[in-house]
C-alpha atoms as a PDB file:
ATOM      1  CA  MET A   1       0.000   0.000   0.000  1.00  0.00           C
ATOM      2  CA  GLY A   2       1.246   3.501  -0.696  1.00  0.00           C
ATOM      3  CA  HIS A   3       3.442   4.786   2.043  1.00  0.00           C
ATOM      4  CA  PRO A   4       3.012   8.434   3.193  1.00  0.00           C
ATOM      5  CA  ASP A   5       6.689   9.187   2.758  1.00  0.00           C
ATOM      6  CA  GLY A   6       7.558   6.627   0.096  1.00  0.00           C
ATOM      7  CA  ASP A   7       9.957   8.926  -1.715  1.00  0.00           C
ATOM      8  CA  ARG A   8      12.031   9.346   1.455  1.00  0.00           C
ATOM      9  CA  ILE A   9      12.320   5.576   1.765  1.00  0.00           C
ATOM     10  CA  ALA A  10      13.181   5.396  -1.935  1.00  0.00           C
ATOM     11  CA  PHE A  11      16.094   7.816  -1.439  1.00  0.00           C
ATOM     12  CA  ALA A  12      17.405   5.989   1.628  1.00  0.00           C
ATOM     13  CA  VAL A  13      17.079   2.512   0.119  1.00  0.00           C
ATOM     14  CA  GLY A  14      18.531   3.834  -3.143  1.00  0.00           C
ATOM     15  CA  ILE A  15      21.676   4.923  -1.303  1.00  0.00           C
ATOM     16  CA  MET A  16      21.896   1.493   0.302  1.00  0.00           C
ATOM     17  CA  ALA A  17      21.468  -0.163  -3.091  1.00  0.00           C
ATOM     18  CA  LEU A  18      24.397   1.847  -4.465  1.00  0.00           C
ATOM     19  CA  LEU A  19      26.547   0.485  -1.651  1.00  0.00           C
ATOM     20  CA  GLY A  20      25.803  -3.090  -2.738  1.00  0.00           C
ATOM     21  CA  ASP A  21      27.066  -5.889  -0.496  1.00  0.00           C
ATOM     22  CA  ARG A  22      28.459  -3.419   2.034  1.00  0.00           C
ATOM     23  CA  VAL A  23      24.941  -3.294   3.538  1.00  0.00           C
ATOM     24  CA  PRO A  24      23.218  -6.547   4.584  1.00  0.00           C
ATOM     25  CA  ALA A  25      19.581  -7.080   3.577  1.00  0.00           C
ATOM     26  CA  SER A  26      18.576  -7.185   7.247  1.00  0.00           C
ATOM     27  CA  ALA A  27      19.805  -3.595   7.675  1.00  0.00           C
ATOM     28  CA  LYS A  28      17.571  -2.497   4.777  1.00  0.00           C
ATOM     29  CA  LEU A  29      14.602  -4.137   6.500  1.00  0.00           C
ATOM     30  CA  PHE A  30      15.579  -2.341   9.711  1.00  0.00           C
ATOM     31  CA  LEU A  31      15.571   0.991   7.851  1.00  0.00           C
ATOM     32  CA  LEU A  32      12.159   0.321   6.311  1.00  0.00           C
ATOM     33  CA  SER A  33      10.724  -0.559   9.724  1.00  0.00           C
ATOM     34  CA  VAL A  34      12.165   2.584  11.316  1.00  0.00           C
ATOM     35  CA  ALA A  35      10.833   4.784   8.493  1.00  0.00           C
ATOM     36  CA  ILE A  36       7.320   3.353   8.756  1.00  0.00           C
ATOM     37  CA  VAL A  37       7.175   3.745  12.545  1.00  0.00           C
ATOM     38  CA  ASP A  38       8.653   7.244  12.223  1.00  0.00           C
ATOM     39  CA  ASP A  39       5.934   8.311   9.795  1.00  0.00           C
ATOM     40  CA  ILE A  40       3.173   6.822  11.940  1.00  0.00           C
ATOM     41  CA  ILE A  41       4.471   8.918  14.843  1.00  0.00           C
ATOM     42  CA  ALA A  42       4.614  11.978  12.564  1.00  0.00           C
ATOM     43  CA  ILE A  43       1.015  11.459  11.477  1.00  0.00           C
ATOM     44  CA  THR A  44       0.006  11.094  15.126  1.00  0.00           C
ATOM     45  CA  VAL A  45       1.687  14.440  15.808  1.00  0.00           C
ATOM     46  CA  ILE A  46      -0.335  15.954  12.951  1.00  0.00           C
ATOM     47  CA  ALA A  47      -3.553  14.565  14.426  1.00  0.00           C
ATOM     48  CA  VAL A  48      -2.836  15.785  17.971  1.00  0.00           C
ATOM     49  CA  PHE A  49      -1.253  19.186  17.371  1.00  0.00           C
ATOM     50  CA  TYR A  50      -2.590  20.323  14.002  1.00  0.00           C
ATOM     51  CA  SER A  51      -6.277  19.537  14.375  1.00  0.00           C
ATOM     52  CA  ASP A  52      -8.883  22.298  14.626  1.00  0.00           C
ATOM     53  CA  ASP A  53     -11.765  22.483  17.091  1.00  0.00           C
ATOM     54  CA  ILE A  54     -13.252  18.996  17.322  1.00  0.00           C
ATOM     55  CA  ALA A  55     -16.827  18.519  16.057  1.00  0.00           C
ATOM     56  CA  LEU A  56     -18.078  15.540  18.032  1.00  0.00           C
ATOM     57  CA  GLY A  57     -20.962  14.832  15.637  1.00  0.00           C
ATOM     58  CA  TRP A  58     -18.661  14.447  12.640  1.00  0.00           C
ATOM     59  CA  LEU A  59     -16.169  12.507  14.765  1.00  0.00           C
ATOM     60  CA  GLY A  60     -18.929  10.103  15.755  1.00  0.00           C
ATOM     61  CA  ALA A  61     -19.934   9.735  12.100  1.00  0.00           C
ATOM     62  CA  ALA A  62     -16.320   8.928  11.241  1.00  0.00           C
ATOM     63  CA  ALA A  63     -16.151   6.299  13.988  1.00  0.00           C
ATOM     64  CA  LEU A  64     -19.429   4.754  12.802  1.00  0.00           C
ATOM     65  CA  THR A  65     -18.209   4.635   9.205  1.00  0.00           C
ATOM     66  CA  LEU A  66     -14.933   2.990  10.239  1.00  0.00           C
ATOM     67  CA  ALA A  67     -16.962   0.448  12.224  1.00  0.00           C
ATOM     68  CA  LEU A  68     -18.971  -0.304   9.064  1.00  0.00           C
ATOM     69  CA  VAL A  69     -15.709  -0.712   7.135  1.00  0.00           C
ATOM     70  CA  THR A  70     -14.508  -3.212   9.739  1.00  0.00           C
ATOM     71  CA  ALA A  71     -17.816  -5.087   9.637  1.00  0.00           C
ATOM     72  CA  ALA A  72     -17.705  -5.231   5.837  1.00  0.00           C
ATOM     73  CA  TRP A  73     -14.194  -6.688   5.892  1.00  0.00           C
ATOM     74  CA  ARG A  74     -15.157  -9.289   8.478  1.00  0.00           C
ATOM     75  CA  ALA A  75     -18.269 -10.229   6.495  1.00  0.00           C
ATOM     76  CA  GLY A  76     -16.117 -10.911   3.458  1.00  0.00           C
ATOM     77  CA  LEU A  77     -17.450  -7.902   1.535  1.00  0.00           C
ATOM     78  CA  ALA A  78     -14.062  -7.076   0.014  1.00  0.00           C
ATOM     79  CA  ARG A  79     -15.526  -5.312  -3.021  1.00  0.00           C
ATOM     80  CA  TRP A  80     -14.376  -1.918  -4.259  1.00  0.00           C
ATOM     81  CA  TRP A  81     -17.938  -0.689  -4.776  1.00  0.00           C
ATOM     82  CA  ILE A  82     -18.515  -1.207  -1.036  1.00  0.00           C
ATOM     83  CA  GLN A  83     -15.176  -0.169   0.436  1.00  0.00           C
ATOM     84  CA  VAL A  84     -14.467   2.884  -1.729  1.00  0.00           C
ATOM     85  CA  PRO A  85     -17.738   4.727  -0.919  1.00  0.00           C
ATOM     86  CA  LEU A  86     -17.304   3.930   2.778  1.00  0.00           C
ATOM     87  CA  ALA A  87     -13.728   5.201   2.635  1.00  0.00           C
ATOM     88  CA  GLY A  88     -14.936   8.406   0.974  1.00  0.00           C
ATOM     89  CA  VAL A  89     -17.554   8.963   3.661  1.00  0.00           C
ATOM     90  CA  ALA A  90     -14.960   8.289   6.380  1.00  0.00           C
ATOM     91  CA  TRP A  91     -12.574  10.847   4.861  1.00  0.00           C
ATOM     92  CA  VAL A  92     -15.291  13.524   4.629  1.00  0.00           C
ATOM     93  CA  ALA A  93     -16.378  12.854   8.215  1.00  0.00           C
ATOM     94  CA  VAL A  94     -12.825  13.026   9.570  1.00  0.00           C
ATOM     95  CA  PHE A  95     -12.129  16.183   7.550  1.00  0.00           C
ATOM     96  CA  ASN A  96     -15.219  17.922   8.952  1.00  0.00           C
ATOM     97  CA  SER A  97     -14.574  16.659  12.490  1.00  0.00           C
ATOM     98  CA  GLY A  98     -11.567  18.943  12.900  1.00  0.00           C
ATOM     99  CA  VAL A  99      -9.109  16.044  13.087  1.00  0.00           C
ATOM    100  CA  HIS A 100      -6.577  16.207  10.270  1.00  0.00           C
ATOM    101  CA  ALA A 101      -7.868  14.195   7.320  1.00  0.00           C
ATOM    102  CA  THR A 102      -4.632  12.197   6.987  1.00  0.00           C
ATOM    103  CA  ILE A 103      -5.839  10.166   9.976  1.00  0.00           C
ATOM    104  CA  ALA A 104      -8.680   8.793   7.860  1.00  0.00           C
ATOM    105  CA  GLY A 105      -6.210   7.226   5.456  1.00  0.00           C
ATOM    106  CA  VAL A 106      -4.138   5.752   8.271  1.00  0.00           C
ATOM    107  CA  ALA A 107      -7.216   4.290   9.974  1.00  0.00           C
ATOM    108  CA  LEU A 108      -8.550   2.797   6.738  1.00  0.00           C
ATOM    109  CA  GLY A 109      -5.160   1.256   5.998  1.00  0.00           C
ATOM    110  CA  LEU A 110      -4.938  -0.302   9.453  1.00  0.00           C
ATOM    111  CA  LEU A 111      -8.406  -1.839   9.062  1.00  0.00           C
ATOM    112  CA  VAL A 112      -7.490  -3.884   5.981  1.00  0.00           C
ATOM    113  CA  PRO A 113      -7.361  -7.517   7.162  1.00  0.00           C
ATOM    114  CA  ALA A 114      -3.860  -8.939   7.388  1.00  0.00           C
ATOM    115  CA  ARG A 115      -5.257 -12.478   7.423  1.00  0.00           C
ATOM    116  CA  PRO A 116      -7.034 -14.125   4.473  1.00  0.00           C
ATOM    117  CA  VAL A 117     -10.768 -13.448   4.125  1.00  0.00           C
ATOM    118  CA  ASP A 118     -12.699 -16.345   2.573  1.00  0.00           C
ATOM    119  CA  GLY A 119      -9.401 -17.716   1.314  1.00  0.00           C
ATOM    120  CA  ARG A 120      -8.418 -14.419  -0.337  1.00  0.00           C
ATOM    121  CA  GLU A 121      -5.279 -12.452   0.538  1.00  0.00           C
ATOM    122  CA  VAL A 122      -7.149  -9.151   0.798  1.00  0.00           C
ATOM    123  CA  LEU A 123      -4.185  -7.110   1.995  1.00  0.00           C
ATOM    124  CA  VAL A 124      -2.040  -8.234  -0.939  1.00  0.00           C
ATOM    125  CA  ALA A 125      -4.850  -7.573  -3.419  1.00  0.00           C
ATOM    126  CA  VAL A 126      -5.513  -4.071  -2.058  1.00  0.00           C
ATOM    127  CA  GLU A 127      -1.796  -3.275  -2.062  1.00  0.00           C
ATOM    128  CA  HIS A 128      -1.352  -4.364  -5.672  1.00  0.00           C
ATOM    129  CA  ARG A 129      -4.374  -2.386  -6.839  1.00  0.00           C
ATOM    130  CA  LEU A 130      -3.512   0.804  -4.996  1.00  0.00           C
ATOM    131  CA  HIS A 131       0.256   0.784  -5.500  1.00  0.00           C
ATOM    132  CA  PRO A 132       0.268   2.098  -9.117  1.00  0.00           C
ATOM    133  CA  VAL A 133      -2.119   4.927  -8.186  1.00  0.00           C
ATOM    134  CA  THR A 134      -0.286   5.924  -5.008  1.00  0.00           C
ATOM    135  CA  ALA A 135       3.243   5.491  -6.383  1.00  0.00           C
ATOM    136  CA  TYR A 136       2.748   7.201  -9.746  1.00  0.00           C
ATOM    137  CA  VAL A 137      -0.030   9.717  -9.043  1.00  0.00           C
ATOM    138  CA  ILE A 138      -0.745  10.459  -5.364  1.00  0.00           C
ATOM    139  CA  VAL A 139       2.793  10.556  -3.916  1.00  0.00           C
ATOM    140  CA  PRO A 140       4.272  12.628  -6.810  1.00  0.00           C
ATOM    141  CA  LEU A 141       1.405  15.138  -6.577  1.00  0.00           C
ATOM    142  CA  PHE A 142       1.794  15.262  -2.796  1.00  0.00           C
ATOM    143  CA  ALA A 143       5.539  15.826  -3.136  1.00  0.00           C
ATOM    144  CA  LEU A 144       5.141  18.545  -5.785  1.00  0.00           C
ATOM    145  CA  ALA A 145       2.482  20.313  -3.717  1.00  0.00           C
ATOM    146  CA  ASN A 146       4.667  20.449  -0.612  1.00  0.00           C
ATOM    147  CA  ALA A 147       8.217  20.647  -1.948  1.00  0.00           C
ATOM    148  CA  GLY A 148       8.083  23.998  -3.718  1.00  0.00           C
ATOM    149  CA  VAL A 149      10.609  26.475  -2.310  1.00  0.00           C
ATOM    150  CA  ASP A 150      10.756  30.078  -3.482  1.00  0.00           C
ATOM    151  CA  LEU A 151      14.468  30.899  -3.629  1.00  0.00           C
ATOM    152  CA  GLY A 152      13.898  34.474  -4.770  1.00  0.00           C
ATOM    153  CA  GLY A 153      14.242  37.574  -2.647  1.00  0.00           C
ATOM    154  CA  GLY A 154      17.282  36.368  -0.729  1.00  0.00           C
ATOM    155  CA  VAL A 155      15.400  33.468   0.910  1.00  0.00           C
ATOM    156  CA  LEU A 156      18.386  31.137   0.587  1.00  0.00           C
ATOM    157  CA  GLY A 157      20.707  33.638   2.257  1.00  0.00           C
ATOM    158  CA  GLU A 158      18.221  34.215   5.055  1.00  0.00           C
ATOM    159  CA  ALA A 159      17.883  30.472   5.542  1.00  0.00           C
ATOM    160  CA  VAL A 160      21.649  30.166   6.019  1.00  0.00           C
ATOM    161  CA  GLY A 161      21.419  32.606   8.908  1.00  0.00           C
ATOM    162  CA  SER A 162      18.132  31.215  10.219  1.00  0.00           C
ATOM    163  CA  ARG A 163      18.053  29.406  13.553  1.00  0.00           C
ATOM    164  CA  LEU A 164      14.960  27.559  12.331  1.00  0.00           C
ATOM    165  CA  ALA A 165      16.740  26.058   9.329  1.00  0.00           C
ATOM    166  CA  TRP A 166      19.780  25.055  11.373  1.00  0.00           C
ATOM    167  CA  ALA A 167      17.588  23.569  14.101  1.00  0.00           C
ATOM    168  CA  ILE A 168      15.872  21.376  11.505  1.00  0.00           C
ATOM    169  CA  VAL A 169      19.243  20.312  10.073  1.00  0.00           C
ATOM    170  CA  ALA A 170      20.424  19.426  13.581  1.00  0.00           C
ATOM    171  CA  GLY A 171      17.232  17.499  14.255  1.00  0.00           C
ATOM    172  CA  LEU A 172      17.552  15.429  11.086  1.00  0.00           C
ATOM    173  CA  VAL A 173      21.299  14.855  11.242  1.00  0.00           C
ATOM    174  CA  VAL A 174      21.989  14.700  14.985  1.00  0.00           C
ATOM    175  CA  GLY A 175      18.608  13.988  16.547  1.00  0.00           C
ATOM    176  CA  LYS A 176      17.628  11.133  14.242  1.00  0.00           C
ATOM    177  CA  VAL A 177      21.067   9.513  14.493  1.00  0.00           C
ATOM    178  CA  LEU A 178      21.147   9.637  18.284  1.00  0.00           C
ATOM    179  CA  GLY A 179      17.496   8.645  18.595  1.00  0.00           C
ATOM    180  CA  ILE A 180      17.546   5.630  16.256  1.00  0.00           C
ATOM    181  CA  ALA A 181      21.024   4.333  17.109  1.00  0.00           C
ATOM    182  CA  GLY A 182      20.580   5.091  20.797  1.00  0.00           C
ATOM    183  CA  ALA A 183      17.275   3.185  20.914  1.00  0.00           C
ATOM    184  CA  ALA A 184      18.939   0.230  19.157  1.00  0.00           C
ATOM    185  CA  HIS A 185      21.805   0.253  21.689  1.00  0.00           C
ATOM    186  CA  LEU A 186      19.361   0.315  24.596  1.00  0.00           C
ATOM    187  CA  ALA A 187      17.258  -2.479  23.067  1.00  0.00           C
ATOM    188  CA  VAL A 188      20.315  -4.700  22.697  1.00  0.00           C
ATOM    189  CA  ARG A 189      21.659  -3.952  26.176  1.00  0.00           C
ATOM    190  CA  ALA A 190      18.231  -4.540  27.735  1.00  0.00           C
ATOM    191  CA  ARG A 191      17.951  -7.814  25.770  1.00  0.00           C
ATOM    192  CA  TRP A 192      14.755  -6.653  24.061  1.00  0.00           C
ATOM    193  CA  GLY A 193      16.298  -7.439  20.690  1.00  0.00           C
ATOM    194  CA  THR A 194      19.512  -8.130  18.828  1.00  0.00           C
ATOM    195  CA  LEU A 195      21.280  -6.468  15.948  1.00  0.00           C
ATOM    196  CA  PRO A 196      20.441  -7.139  12.287  1.00  0.00           C
ATOM    197  CA  ALA A 197      22.099 -10.253  10.899  1.00  0.00           C
ATOM    198  CA  ARG A 198      25.644  -9.671   9.559  1.00  0.00           C
ATOM    199  CA  ALA A 199      25.602  -6.155  11.008  1.00  0.00           C
ATOM    200  CA  GLY A 200      27.445  -4.456  13.834  1.00  0.00           C
ATOM    201  CA  PHE A 201      26.748  -1.187  15.590  1.00  0.00           C
ATOM    202  CA  ARG A 202      28.537   0.738  12.851  1.00  0.00           C
ATOM    203  CA  THR A 203      25.881  -0.432  10.417  1.00  0.00           C
ATOM    204  CA  VAL A 204      23.197   0.675  12.870  1.00  0.00           C
ATOM    205  CA  TRP A 205      24.772   4.144  13.042  1.00  0.00           C
ATOM    206  CA  GLY A 206      24.829   4.314   9.237  1.00  0.00           C
ATOM    207  CA  VAL A 207      21.198   3.256   8.966  1.00  0.00           C
ATOM    208  CA  ALA A 208      20.301   5.773  11.688  1.00  0.00           C
ATOM    209  CA  ALA A 209      21.937   8.524   9.648  1.00  0.00           C
ATOM    210  CA  LEU A 210      19.932   7.509   6.563  1.00  0.00           C
ATOM    211  CA  GLY A 211      16.841   7.680   8.768  1.00  0.00           C
ATOM    212  CA  GLY A 212      17.431  11.434   8.889  1.00  0.00           C
ATOM    213  CA  ILE A 213      16.397  11.783   5.256  1.00  0.00           C
ATOM    214  CA  GLY A 214      13.051  13.555   5.359  1.00  0.00           C
ATOM    215  CA  PHE A 215      10.819  14.630   2.525  1.00  0.00           C
ATOM    216  CA  THR A 216       7.058  14.710   1.979  1.00  0.00           C
ATOM    217  CA  VAL A 217       5.812  14.256   5.544  1.00  0.00           C
ATOM    218  CA  SER A 218       8.456  16.633   6.928  1.00  0.00           C
ATOM    219  CA  LEU A 219       7.622  19.232   4.263  1.00  0.00           C
ATOM    220  CA  PHE A 220       3.927  18.751   4.927  1.00  0.00           C
ATOM    221  CA  ILE A 221       4.359  19.374   8.656  1.00  0.00           C
ATOM    222  CA  ALA A 222       6.454  22.465   7.892  1.00  0.00           C
ATOM    223  CA  GLY A 223       3.569  23.861   5.859  1.00  0.00           C
ATOM    224  CA  LEU A 224       1.158  23.177   8.727  1.00  0.00           C
ATOM    225  CA  ALA A 225       3.418  24.549  11.452  1.00  0.00           C
ATOM    226  CA  TYR A 226       4.026  28.048  10.048  1.00  0.00           C
ATOM    227  CA  ASP A 227       1.718  30.654   8.522  1.00  0.00           C
ATOM    228  CA  ASP A 228       4.556  32.935   7.408  1.00  0.00           C
ATOM    229  CA  ALA A 229       5.706  31.990   3.877  1.00  0.00           C
ATOM    230  CA  LEU A 230       9.274  33.036   4.721  1.00  0.00           C
ATOM    231  CA  LEU A 231       9.410  30.664   7.695  1.00  0.00           C
ATOM    232  CA  VAL A 232       7.896  27.849   5.626  1.00  0.00           C
ATOM    233  CA  ASN A 233      10.595  28.303   2.972  1.00  0.00           C
ATOM    234  CA  GLN A 234      13.353  28.413   5.595  1.00  0.00           C
ATOM    235  CA  ALA A 235      11.978  25.218   7.150  1.00  0.00           C
ATOM    236  CA  LYS A 236      11.838  23.498   3.752  1.00  0.00           C
ATOM    237  CA  ILE A 237      15.413  24.535   2.950  1.00  0.00           C
ATOM    238  CA  GLY A 238      16.473  23.141   6.334  1.00  0.00           C
ATOM    239  CA  ILE A 239      14.693  19.853   5.567  1.00  0.00           C
ATOM    240  CA  LEU A 240      16.286  19.499   2.135  1.00  0.00           C
ATOM    241  CA  ALA A 241      19.747  20.466   3.424  1.00  0.00           C
ATOM    242  CA  GLY A 242      19.475  18.193   6.448  1.00  0.00           C
ATOM    243  CA  SER A 243      18.327  15.309   4.261  1.00  0.00           C
ATOM    244  CA  ALA A 244      21.310  15.774   1.950  1.00  0.00           C
ATOM    245  CA  VAL A 245      23.756  15.834   4.868  1.00  0.00           C
ATOM    246  CA  ALA A 246      22.073  12.821   6.512  1.00  0.00           C
ATOM    247  CA  GLY A 247      22.265  10.828   3.271  1.00  0.00           C
ATOM    248  CA  ALA A 248      25.936  11.664   2.744  1.00  0.00           C
ATOM    249  CA  LEU A 249      26.770  10.865   6.382  1.00  0.00           C
ATOM    250  CA  GLY A 250      24.937   7.546   6.245  1.00  0.00           C
ATOM    251  CA  ALA A 251      26.711   6.533   3.043  1.00  0.00           C
ATOM    252  CA  PHE A 252      30.083   7.528   4.515  1.00  0.00           C
ATOM    253  CA  ILE A 253      29.529   5.455   7.659  1.00  0.00           C
ATOM    254  CA  LEU A 254      28.290   2.409   5.739  1.00  0.00           C
ATOM    255  CA  VAL A 255      31.096   2.537   3.172  1.00  0.00           C
ATOM    256  CA  GLY A 256      33.715   2.569   5.921  1.00  0.00           C
ATOM    257  CA  ARG A 257      32.184  -0.087   8.141  1.00  0.00           C
ATOM    258  CA  GLY A 258      34.629  -2.869   8.900  1.00  0.00           C
ATOM    259  CA  GLY A 259      33.526  -6.401   8.128  1.00  0.00           C
ATOM    260  CA  HIS A 260      29.972  -7.362   8.897  1.00  0.00           C
ATOM    261  CA  GLY A 261      29.983  -6.694  12.614  1.00  0.00           C
ATOM    262  CA  GLY A 262      28.000  -9.019  14.796  1.00  0.00           C
ATOM    263  CA  ASN A 263      25.923 -11.936  13.675  1.00  0.00           C
ATOM    264  CA  ARG A 264      22.759 -11.036  15.504  1.00  0.00           C
ATOM    265  CA  GLN A 265      19.243 -10.095  14.562  1.00  0.00           C
ATOM    266  CA  LEU A 266      17.026  -7.168  15.604  1.00  0.00           C
ATOM    267  CA  ASP A 267      13.829  -9.081  16.148  1.00  0.00           C
ATOM    268  CA  ARG A 268      13.292 -10.471  19.631  1.00  0.00           C
ATOM    269  CA  PRO A 269      15.365 -11.844  22.476  1.00  0.00           C
ATOM    270  CA  GLY A 270      16.660 -15.285  21.715  1.00  0.00           C
ATOM    271  CA  GLY A 271      15.894 -14.976  17.984  1.00  0.00           C
ATOM    272  CA  ALA A 272      17.983 -17.254  15.803  1.00  0.00           C
ATOM    273  CA  PRO A 273      20.446 -15.417  13.535  1.00  0.00           C
ATOM    274  CA  GLU A 274      19.736 -15.242   9.841  1.00  0.00           C
ATOM    275  CA  SER A 275      21.803 -17.396   7.620  1.00  0.00           C
ATOM    276  CA  SER A 276      24.099 -15.127   5.648  1.00  0.00           C
END
């Protein structure tokens, strides 16, 4: 199914692909997992902090519609002419409730059954049908709508001297690295998990740096957070600059990693290592 920040993942995984065998497949899976969780948290932030006054009537209508969606899935009514109208009603209800409408898409995605329904792999079927539309239409339009930066009028020069832009760069380059790698270190030390197969902590630091690449969701939040066009442009420049630095840093760390590090897996305590 289309991912809200699929282009960010594409950039990060693209860098890993260029590095070839220097990066184990398990580290790529780790990066994908981190990116998905990161975007879910970002969307939660949008819902909590960027929602208008809540209209309980519309919110109740949204909840009722989502309940009907769930009931339809459980009854085996996995037909587009049932699910699409319900999804449209849910989106309208969430939009009018004051909660940011992106939550409707997240909720609808989470309600798709992961287990087979009447012997059909519904999740796989929905993913295959929606992927061309989301990958080639929705995500590009979303990116183009949020990525525009007006570089005229000395905006670039002002961004260089802007504390906002530098704070965003620091958050993407330093904050993401320390947050992701630090959480992995704590998980391993607390025996909540183990490292990706054929990967040591240097690989984790490299993947953490690539996790600092931010694009559509980050740009979207920047547009929501500021009303002043100058501040929005400075924030976007900070996001693009921070993403470039994070990508270069991640590639540098992964290129220079020695050997394959440990032979452990980041899944659960006691998990058997992957065969390399």
